Amino acid sequence: MVDRIVASGKIARREHLVLTSAILSDDKISEEDRHQINRIFDYIQIGRLKFID
């Protein structure tokens, strides 16, 4: 999912919710997954990703 989001430059609000839930669940998530999700959040902050509905 992360690779597709980065490649398209777009993220659905539902995908954002799923990623946020995953990062906040604090279990069953590897350091690599955490890093990838944080990269998505960073891209949103700098405007590299746009929300779509």
PDB file of N, CA and C in Angstrom:
ATOM      1  N   MET A   1       0.830  -1.184   0.000  1.00  0.00           N
ATOM      2  CA  MET A   1       0.000   0.000   0.000  1.00  0.00           C
ATOM      3  C   MET A   1       0.878   1.253   0.000  1.00  0.00           C
ATOM      4  N   VAL A   2       1.927   1.247   0.790  1.00  0.00           N
ATOM      5  CA  VAL A   2       2.800   2.422   0.900  1.00  0.00           C
ATOM      6  C   VAL A   2       3.441   2.753  -0.445  1.00  0.00           C
ATOM      7  N   ASP A   3       3.942   1.751  -1.140  1.00  0.00           N
ATOM      8  CA  ASP A   3       4.581   1.993  -2.442  1.00  0.00           C
ATOM      9  C   ASP A   3       3.602   2.588  -3.446  1.00  0.00           C
ATOM     10  N   ARG A   4       2.382   2.083  -3.452  1.00  0.00           N
ATOM     11  CA  ARG A   4       1.363   2.605  -4.368  1.00  0.00           C
ATOM     12  C   ARG A   4       1.018   4.055  -4.042  1.00  0.00           C
ATOM     13  N   ILE A   5       0.890   4.369  -2.753  1.00  0.00           N
ATOM     14  CA  ILE A   5       0.565   5.732  -2.332  1.00  0.00           C
ATOM     15  C   ILE A   5       1.671   6.692  -2.751  1.00  0.00           C
ATOM     16  N   VAL A   6       2.911   6.319  -2.485  1.00  0.00           N
ATOM     17  CA  VAL A   6       4.042   7.184  -2.834  1.00  0.00           C
ATOM     18  C   VAL A   6       4.133   7.361  -4.349  1.00  0.00           C
ATOM     19  N   ALA A   7       3.944   6.279  -5.089  1.00  0.00           N
ATOM     20  CA  ALA A   7       4.042   6.361  -6.547  1.00  0.00           C
ATOM     21  C   ALA A   7       2.947   7.236  -7.147  1.00  0.00           C
ATOM     22  N   SER A   8       1.748   7.178  -6.589  1.00  0.00           N
ATOM     23  CA  SER A   8       0.631   7.955  -7.142  1.00  0.00           C
ATOM     24  C   SER A   8       0.616   9.397  -6.656  1.00  0.00           C
ATOM     25  N   GLY A   9       1.210   9.636  -5.480  1.00  0.00           N
ATOM     26  CA  GLY A   9       1.179  10.982  -4.912  1.00  0.00           C
ATOM     27  C   GLY A   9      -0.160  11.322  -4.287  1.00  0.00           C
ATOM     28  N   LYS A  10      -1.001  10.305  -4.091  1.00  0.00           N
ATOM     29  CA  LYS A  10      -2.342  10.513  -3.541  1.00  0.00           C
ATOM     30  C   LYS A  10      -2.631   9.490  -2.459  1.00  0.00           C
ATOM     31  N   ILE A  11      -3.389   9.915  -1.454  1.00  0.00           N
ATOM     32  CA  ILE A  11      -3.799   9.010  -0.393  1.00  0.00           C
ATOM     33  C   ILE A  11      -5.264   9.260  -0.068  1.00  0.00           C
ATOM     34  N   ALA A  12      -6.012   8.194   0.011  1.00  0.00           N
ATOM     35  CA  ALA A  12      -7.421   8.304   0.383  1.00  0.00           C
ATOM     36  C   ALA A  12      -7.504   8.515   1.895  1.00  0.00           C
ATOM     37  N   ARG A  13      -8.519   9.212   2.307  1.00  0.00           N
ATOM     38  CA  ARG A  13      -8.690   9.456   3.747  1.00  0.00           C
ATOM     39  C   ARG A  13      -8.837   8.139   4.514  1.00  0.00           C
ATOM     40  N   ARG A  14      -9.470   7.169   3.890  1.00  0.00           N
ATOM     41  CA  ARG A  14      -9.624   5.852   4.527  1.00  0.00           C
ATOM     42  C   ARG A  14      -8.255   5.186   4.714  1.00  0.00           C
ATOM     43  N   GLU A  15      -7.386   5.288   3.721  1.00  0.00           N
ATOM     44  CA  GLU A  15      -6.033   4.730   3.843  1.00  0.00           C
ATOM     45  C   GLU A  15      -5.271   5.427   4.969  1.00  0.00           C
ATOM     46  N   HIS A  16      -5.432   6.736   5.057  1.00  0.00           N
ATOM     47  CA  HIS A  16      -4.781   7.495   6.126  1.00  0.00           C
ATOM     48  C   HIS A  16      -5.246   6.994   7.490  1.00  0.00           C
ATOM     49  N   LEU A  17      -6.540   6.746   7.609  1.00  0.00           N
ATOM     50  CA  LEU A  17      -7.102   6.233   8.855  1.00  0.00           C
ATOM     51  C   LEU A  17      -6.527   4.857   9.198  1.00  0.00           C
ATOM     52  N   VAL A  18      -6.407   3.996   8.201  1.00  0.00           N
ATOM     53  CA  VAL A  18      -5.841   2.658   8.416  1.00  0.00           C
ATOM     54  C   VAL A  18      -4.388   2.768   8.889  1.00  0.00           C
ATOM     55  N   LEU A  19      -3.608   3.620   8.245  1.00  0.00           N
ATOM     56  CA  LEU A  19      -2.204   3.781   8.632  1.00  0.00           C
ATOM     57  C   LEU A  19      -2.075   4.391  10.021  1.00  0.00           C
ATOM     58  N   THR A  20      -2.913   5.364  10.321  1.00  0.00           N
ATOM     59  CA  THR A  20      -2.893   5.982  11.651  1.00  0.00           C
ATOM     60  C   THR A  20      -3.241   4.950  12.717  1.00  0.00           C
ATOM     61  N   SER A  21      -4.251   4.141  12.466  1.00  0.00           N
ATOM     62  CA  SER A  21      -4.640   3.092  13.420  1.00  0.00           C
ATOM     63  C   SER A  21      -3.508   2.093  13.620  1.00  0.00           C
ATOM     64  N   ALA A  22      -2.838   1.738  12.539  1.00  0.00           N
ATOM     65  CA  ALA A  22      -1.734   0.774  12.629  1.00  0.00           C
ATOM     66  C   ALA A  22      -0.598   1.317  13.484  1.00  0.00           C
ATOM     67  N   ILE A  23      -0.269   2.575  13.296  1.00  0.00           N
ATOM     68  CA  ILE A  23       0.857   3.153  14.032  1.00  0.00           C
ATOM     69  C   ILE A  23       0.499   3.339  15.504  1.00  0.00           C
ATOM     70  N   LEU A  24      -0.761   3.605  15.782  1.00  0.00           N
ATOM     71  CA  LEU A  24      -1.189   3.815  17.164  1.00  0.00           C
ATOM     72  C   LEU A  24      -1.481   2.513  17.905  1.00  0.00           C
ATOM     73  N   SER A  25      -1.689   1.427  17.183  1.00  0.00           N
ATOM     74  CA  SER A  25      -2.009   0.152  17.827  1.00  0.00           C
ATOM     75  C   SER A  25      -0.833  -0.370  18.650  1.00  0.00           C
ATOM     76  N   ASP A  26       0.382  -0.014  18.253  1.00  0.00           N
ATOM     77  CA  ASP A  26       1.608  -0.296  18.999  1.00  0.00           C
ATOM     78  C   ASP A  26       1.925  -1.786  19.155  1.00  0.00           C
ATOM     79  N   ASP A  27       1.241  -2.634  18.416  1.00  0.00           N
ATOM     80  CA  ASP A  27       1.615  -4.040  18.436  1.00  0.00           C
ATOM     81  C   ASP A  27       1.493  -4.598  17.019  1.00  0.00           C
ATOM     82  N   LYS A  28       2.216  -5.673  16.785  1.00  0.00           N
ATOM     83  CA  LYS A  28       2.186  -6.340  15.481  1.00  0.00           C
ATOM     84  C   LYS A  28       2.647  -5.443  14.337  1.00  0.00           C
ATOM     85  N   ILE A  29       3.518  -4.508  14.613  1.00  0.00           N
ATOM     86  CA  ILE A  29       4.033  -3.650  13.549  1.00  0.00           C
ATOM     87  C   ILE A  29       5.561  -3.611  13.671  1.00  0.00           C
ATOM     88  N   SER A  30       6.211  -3.949  12.601  1.00  0.00           N
ATOM     89  CA  SER A  30       7.680  -3.987  12.619  1.00  0.00           C
ATOM     90  C   SER A  30       8.248  -2.575  12.529  1.00  0.00           C
ATOM     91  N   GLU A  31       9.514  -2.470  12.829  1.00  0.00           N
ATOM     92  CA  GLU A  31      10.189  -1.172  12.723  1.00  0.00           C
ATOM     93  C   GLU A  31      10.178  -0.674  11.275  1.00  0.00           C
ATOM     94  N   GLU A  32      10.343  -1.600  10.331  1.00  0.00           N
ATOM     95  CA  GLU A  32      10.316  -1.224   8.905  1.00  0.00           C
ATOM     96  C   GLU A  32       8.945  -0.681   8.515  1.00  0.00           C
ATOM     97  N   ASP A  33       7.879  -1.360   8.968  1.00  0.00           N
ATOM     98  CA  ASP A  33       6.523  -0.870   8.686  1.00  0.00           C
ATOM     99  C   ASP A  33       6.299   0.500   9.311  1.00  0.00           C
ATOM    100  N   ARG A  34       6.753   0.658  10.543  1.00  0.00           N
ATOM    101  CA  ARG A  34       6.619   1.944  11.235  1.00  0.00           C
ATOM    102  C   ARG A  34       7.343   3.052  10.460  1.00  0.00           C
ATOM    103  N   HIS A  35       8.525   2.729   9.973  1.00  0.00           N
ATOM    104  CA  HIS A  35       9.301   3.700   9.190  1.00  0.00           C
ATOM    105  C   HIS A  35       8.559   4.093   7.907  1.00  0.00           C
ATOM    106  N   GLN A  36       7.995   3.104   7.221  1.00  0.00           N
ATOM    107  CA  GLN A  36       7.269   3.370   5.978  1.00  0.00           C
ATOM    108  C   GLN A  36       6.034   4.238   6.227  1.00  0.00           C
ATOM    109  N   ILE A  37       5.304   3.947   7.298  1.00  0.00           N
ATOM    110  CA  ILE A  37       4.118   4.736   7.626  1.00  0.00           C
ATOM    111  C   ILE A  37       4.519   6.162   7.991  1.00  0.00           C
ATOM    112  N   ASN A  38       5.577   6.306   8.757  1.00  0.00           N
ATOM    113  CA  ASN A  38       6.052   7.648   9.104  1.00  0.00           C
ATOM    114  C   ASN A  38       6.488   8.424   7.868  1.00  0.00           C
ATOM    115  N   ARG A  39       7.030   7.728   6.893  1.00  0.00           N
ATOM    116  CA  ARG A  39       7.413   8.378   5.637  1.00  0.00           C
ATOM    117  C   ARG A  39       6.179   8.946   4.941  1.00  0.00           C
ATOM    118  N   ILE A  40       5.080   8.195   4.948  1.00  0.00           N
ATOM    119  CA  ILE A  40       3.823   8.685   4.376  1.00  0.00           C
ATOM    120  C   ILE A  40       3.377   9.949   5.101  1.00  0.00           C
ATOM    121  N   PHE A  41       3.402   9.931   6.430  1.00  0.00           N
ATOM    122  CA  PHE A  41       2.988  11.099   7.206  1.00  0.00           C
ATOM    123  C   PHE A  41       3.890  12.305   6.906  1.00  0.00           C
ATOM    124  N   ASP A  42       5.175  12.058   6.774  1.00  0.00           N
ATOM    125  CA  ASP A  42       6.105  13.142   6.427  1.00  0.00           C
ATOM    126  C   ASP A  42       5.765  13.724   5.059  1.00  0.00           C
ATOM    127  N   TYR A  43       5.486  12.860   4.090  1.00  0.00           N
ATOM    128  CA  TYR A  43       5.141  13.321   2.741  1.00  0.00           C
ATOM    129  C   TYR A  43       3.854  14.151   2.751  1.00  0.00           C
ATOM    130  N   ILE A  44       2.903  13.778   3.592  1.00  0.00           N
ATOM    131  CA  ILE A  44       1.669  14.570   3.705  1.00  0.00           C
ATOM    132  C   ILE A  44       2.007  15.961   4.242  1.00  0.00           C
ATOM    133  N   GLN A  45       2.834  16.020   5.266  1.00  0.00           N
ATOM    134  CA  GLN A  45       3.185  17.302   5.876  1.00  0.00           C
ATOM    135  C   GLN A  45       3.894  18.239   4.912  1.00  0.00           C
ATOM    136  N   ILE A  46       4.759  17.700   4.064  1.00  0.00           N
ATOM    137  CA  ILE A  46       5.510  18.568   3.152  1.00  0.00           C
ATOM    138  C   ILE A  46       4.769  18.811   1.837  1.00  0.00           C
ATOM    139  N   GLY A  47       3.580  18.226   1.711  1.00  0.00           N
ATOM    140  CA  GLY A  47       2.770  18.461   0.522  1.00  0.00           C
ATOM    141  C   GLY A  47       3.080  17.563  -0.655  1.00  0.00           C
ATOM    142  N   ARG A  48       3.863  16.545  -0.432  1.00  0.00           N
ATOM    143  CA  ARG A  48       4.207  15.618  -1.515  1.00  0.00           C
ATOM    144  C   ARG A  48       3.065  14.650  -1.822  1.00  0.00           C
ATOM    145  N   LEU A  49       2.167  14.456  -0.847  1.00  0.00           N
ATOM    146  CA  LEU A  49       0.977  13.622  -1.033  1.00  0.00           C
ATOM    147  C   LEU A  49      -0.269  14.477  -0.853  1.00  0.00           C
ATOM    148  N   LYS A  50      -1.261  14.194  -1.657  1.00  0.00           N
ATOM    149  CA  LYS A  50      -2.535  14.909  -1.595  1.00  0.00           C
ATOM    150  C   LYS A  50      -3.628  13.938  -1.180  1.00  0.00           C
ATOM    151  N   PHE A  51      -4.559  14.440  -0.378  1.00  0.00           N
ATOM    152  CA  PHE A  51      -5.709  13.624   0.020  1.00  0.00           C
ATOM    153  C   PHE A  51      -6.729  13.578  -1.105  1.00  0.00           C
ATOM    154  N   ILE A  52      -7.308  12.397  -1.289  1.00  0.00           N
ATOM    155  CA  ILE A  52      -8.419  12.232  -2.209  1.00  0.00           C
ATOM    156  C   ILE A  52      -9.555  11.578  -1.435  1.00  0.00           C
ATOM    157  N   ASP A  53     -10.756  11.750  -1.920  1.00  0.00           N
ATOM    158  CA  ASP A  53     -11.907  11.138  -1.240  1.00  0.00           C
ATOM    159  C   ASP A  53     -12.478  10.011  -2.041  1.00  0.00           C
TER     160      ASP A  53
END
